[in-house]
Amino acid sequence: MNAAPTPTPDQFDHPSAGQYSHPTAGQYEAPQSYLNQNHPSYGRRTEEDPGKVLGIVSLVATLSTFVGFNFIGPVVGIITGHMARKRSQESGFGDNEMGRWGFILGLVFLGFLVLGWVLGISFGIVGGLAGLMAG
């Protein structure tokens, strides 16, 4: 049976020819390809649309109409949608799609809400007057 030789503790203290030593603090240097500071993207994140998050907030707030936020959701959606579109256009990213849809759907849902209120109030008035006339 061939047993592998057992390493001794001092065997790893000094590197032999062709072996790398374990770096200690300050001894390791990154390869030059990672240190190219003249590259345009060094140290910066990829440019992101500044209105992106507001566009998402706008669309989610507007669609919250379906879970019971009948007045607050569309109003928040309209405001944040307008802000998202404005920030995106000022930064040169064009129109913010989610902000636009949040804005448009907010206006539509708010219009339906106002129409419902008007119809409800008018039917209430007509029903009340009919009750007074009959009785």
Protein backbone atom coordinates (compact mmCIF):
# COMPACT_ATOMS: atom_id res chain seq x y z
CA MET A 1 0.00 0.00 0.00
CA ASN A 2 1.40 3.37 -1.01
CA ALA A 3 0.80 6.05 1.54
CA ALA A 4 1.10 9.71 0.52
CA PRO A 5 3.81 11.61 2.37
CA THR A 6 2.51 13.67 5.25
CA PRO A 7 3.28 17.40 4.79
CA THR A 8 5.24 19.16 7.47
CA PRO A 9 4.14 22.56 8.81
CA ASP A 10 7.25 24.37 7.56
CA GLN A 11 6.83 22.98 4.05
CA PHE A 12 4.32 25.73 3.21
CA ASP A 13 6.19 28.64 4.79
CA HIS A 14 8.60 29.23 1.89
CA PRO A 15 7.46 28.75 -1.69
CA SER A 16 9.51 26.53 -3.91
CA ALA A 17 10.35 27.54 -7.43
CA GLY A 18 7.15 27.91 -9.47
CA GLN A 19 4.78 27.98 -6.48
CA TYR A 20 2.80 30.96 -5.29
CA SER A 21 2.97 32.15 -1.72
CA HIS A 22 -0.09 33.02 0.26
CA PRO A 23 -0.51 36.79 0.04
CA THR A 24 -0.50 38.80 3.23
CA ALA A 25 -2.00 42.23 3.65
CA GLY A 26 -0.70 44.60 0.99
CA GLN A 27 1.29 42.05 -1.01
CA TYR A 28 -1.33 41.05 -3.57
CA GLU A 29 -1.70 43.15 -6.68
CA ALA A 30 -4.61 42.82 -9.08
CA PRO A 31 -3.81 42.05 -12.70
CA GLN A 32 -3.41 45.14 -14.83
CA SER A 33 -6.54 44.39 -16.83
CA TYR A 34 -8.61 45.15 -13.73
CA LEU A 35 -6.76 48.34 -12.92
CA ASN A 36 -7.40 50.14 -16.20
CA GLN A 37 -8.82 53.36 -14.78
CA ASN A 38 -8.94 55.03 -18.19
CA HIS A 39 -11.82 52.81 -19.25
CA PRO A 40 -15.08 54.84 -19.48
CA SER A 41 -17.07 52.49 -17.24
CA TYR A 42 -14.48 52.25 -14.45
CA GLY A 43 -16.02 53.02 -11.06
CA ARG A 44 -19.47 53.84 -12.46
CA ARG A 45 -22.67 51.88 -12.64
CA THR A 46 -24.37 51.46 -15.95
CA GLU A 47 -26.52 54.48 -16.66
CA GLU A 48 -30.03 53.77 -15.50
CA ASP A 49 -33.20 55.67 -16.21
CA PRO A 50 -33.79 58.00 -13.23
CA GLY A 51 -37.56 57.73 -13.66
CA LYS A 52 -37.62 53.92 -13.69
CA VAL A 53 -38.55 53.43 -10.03
CA LEU A 54 -41.18 56.17 -10.14
CA GLY A 55 -42.66 54.55 -13.24
CA ILE A 56 -43.01 51.26 -11.40
CA VAL A 57 -44.53 53.02 -8.39
CA SER A 58 -46.96 54.81 -10.69
CA LEU A 59 -48.18 51.65 -12.37
CA VAL A 60 -48.46 49.69 -9.12
CA ALA A 61 -50.28 52.54 -7.37
CA THR A 62 -52.72 52.88 -10.24
CA LEU A 63 -53.40 49.15 -10.36
CA SER A 64 -53.97 49.15 -6.59
CA THR A 65 -57.42 50.42 -7.52
CA PHE A 66 -58.41 46.78 -7.95
CA VAL A 67 -57.57 45.93 -4.34
CA GLY A 68 -59.58 48.75 -2.79
CA PHE A 69 -57.55 51.95 -3.06
CA ASN A 70 -60.20 53.55 -5.28
CA PHE A 71 -59.23 57.20 -4.88
CA ILE A 72 -55.69 57.22 -3.47
CA GLY A 73 -54.24 54.74 -6.00
CA PRO A 74 -55.08 56.64 -9.19
CA VAL A 75 -54.10 60.01 -7.70
CA VAL A 76 -50.69 58.66 -6.61
CA GLY A 77 -50.36 56.96 -10.01
CA ILE A 78 -51.05 60.19 -11.90
CA ILE A 79 -48.59 62.23 -9.83
CA THR A 80 -45.75 59.70 -9.85
CA GLY A 81 -46.36 58.86 -13.52
CA HIS A 82 -45.95 62.50 -14.47
CA MET A 83 -42.81 62.79 -12.35
CA ALA A 84 -41.32 59.60 -13.87
CA ARG A 85 -41.94 60.74 -17.43
CA LYS A 86 -40.48 64.18 -16.72
CA ARG A 87 -37.30 62.77 -15.11
CA SER A 88 -36.77 60.28 -17.93
CA GLN A 89 -37.21 62.92 -20.64
CA GLU A 90 -34.93 65.41 -18.88
CA SER A 91 -32.18 62.79 -18.69
CA GLY A 92 -32.50 61.92 -22.37
CA PHE A 93 -34.02 58.46 -21.97
CA GLY A 94 -37.18 59.19 -23.93
CA ASP A 95 -40.63 58.43 -22.63
CA ASN A 96 -41.01 56.21 -19.57
CA GLU A 97 -43.45 53.46 -20.60
CA MET A 98 -44.52 52.41 -17.10
CA GLY A 99 -44.88 56.01 -16.02
CA ARG A 100 -46.98 56.73 -19.09
CA TRP A 101 -49.28 53.76 -18.49
CA GLY A 102 -49.58 54.61 -14.79
CA PHE A 103 -50.51 58.17 -15.73
CA ILE A 104 -53.06 57.16 -18.42
CA LEU A 105 -54.67 54.39 -16.36
CA GLY A 106 -54.77 56.70 -13.35
CA LEU A 107 -56.73 59.24 -15.36
CA VAL A 108 -59.08 56.55 -16.69
CA PHE A 109 -59.72 55.01 -13.27
CA LEU A 110 -60.19 58.42 -11.66
CA GLY A 111 -62.63 59.32 -14.47
CA PHE A 112 -64.62 56.13 -13.82
CA LEU A 113 -64.65 56.94 -10.10
CA VAL A 114 -65.96 60.47 -10.69
CA LEU A 115 -68.53 59.14 -13.17
CA GLY A 116 -69.67 56.60 -10.57
CA TRP A 117 -70.01 59.29 -7.93
CA VAL A 118 -72.00 61.53 -10.28
CA LEU A 119 -74.31 58.68 -11.32
CA GLY A 120 -74.72 57.54 -7.71
CA ILE A 121 -75.58 61.01 -6.49
CA SER A 122 -77.95 61.66 -9.40
CA PHE A 123 -79.73 58.31 -8.94
CA GLY A 124 -80.00 59.07 -5.24
CA ILE A 125 -81.52 62.46 -5.92
CA VAL A 126 -83.93 61.06 -8.52
CA GLY A 127 -84.90 58.20 -6.20
CA GLY A 128 -85.41 60.58 -3.31
CA LEU A 129 -87.57 62.91 -5.35
CA ALA A 130 -89.61 59.98 -6.66
CA GLY A 131 -90.16 58.84 -3.08
CA LEU A 132 -91.31 62.32 -2.05
CA MET A 133 -93.71 62.56 -5.01
CA ALA A 134 -95.21 59.14 -4.37
CA GLY A 135 -95.71 59.57 -0.75
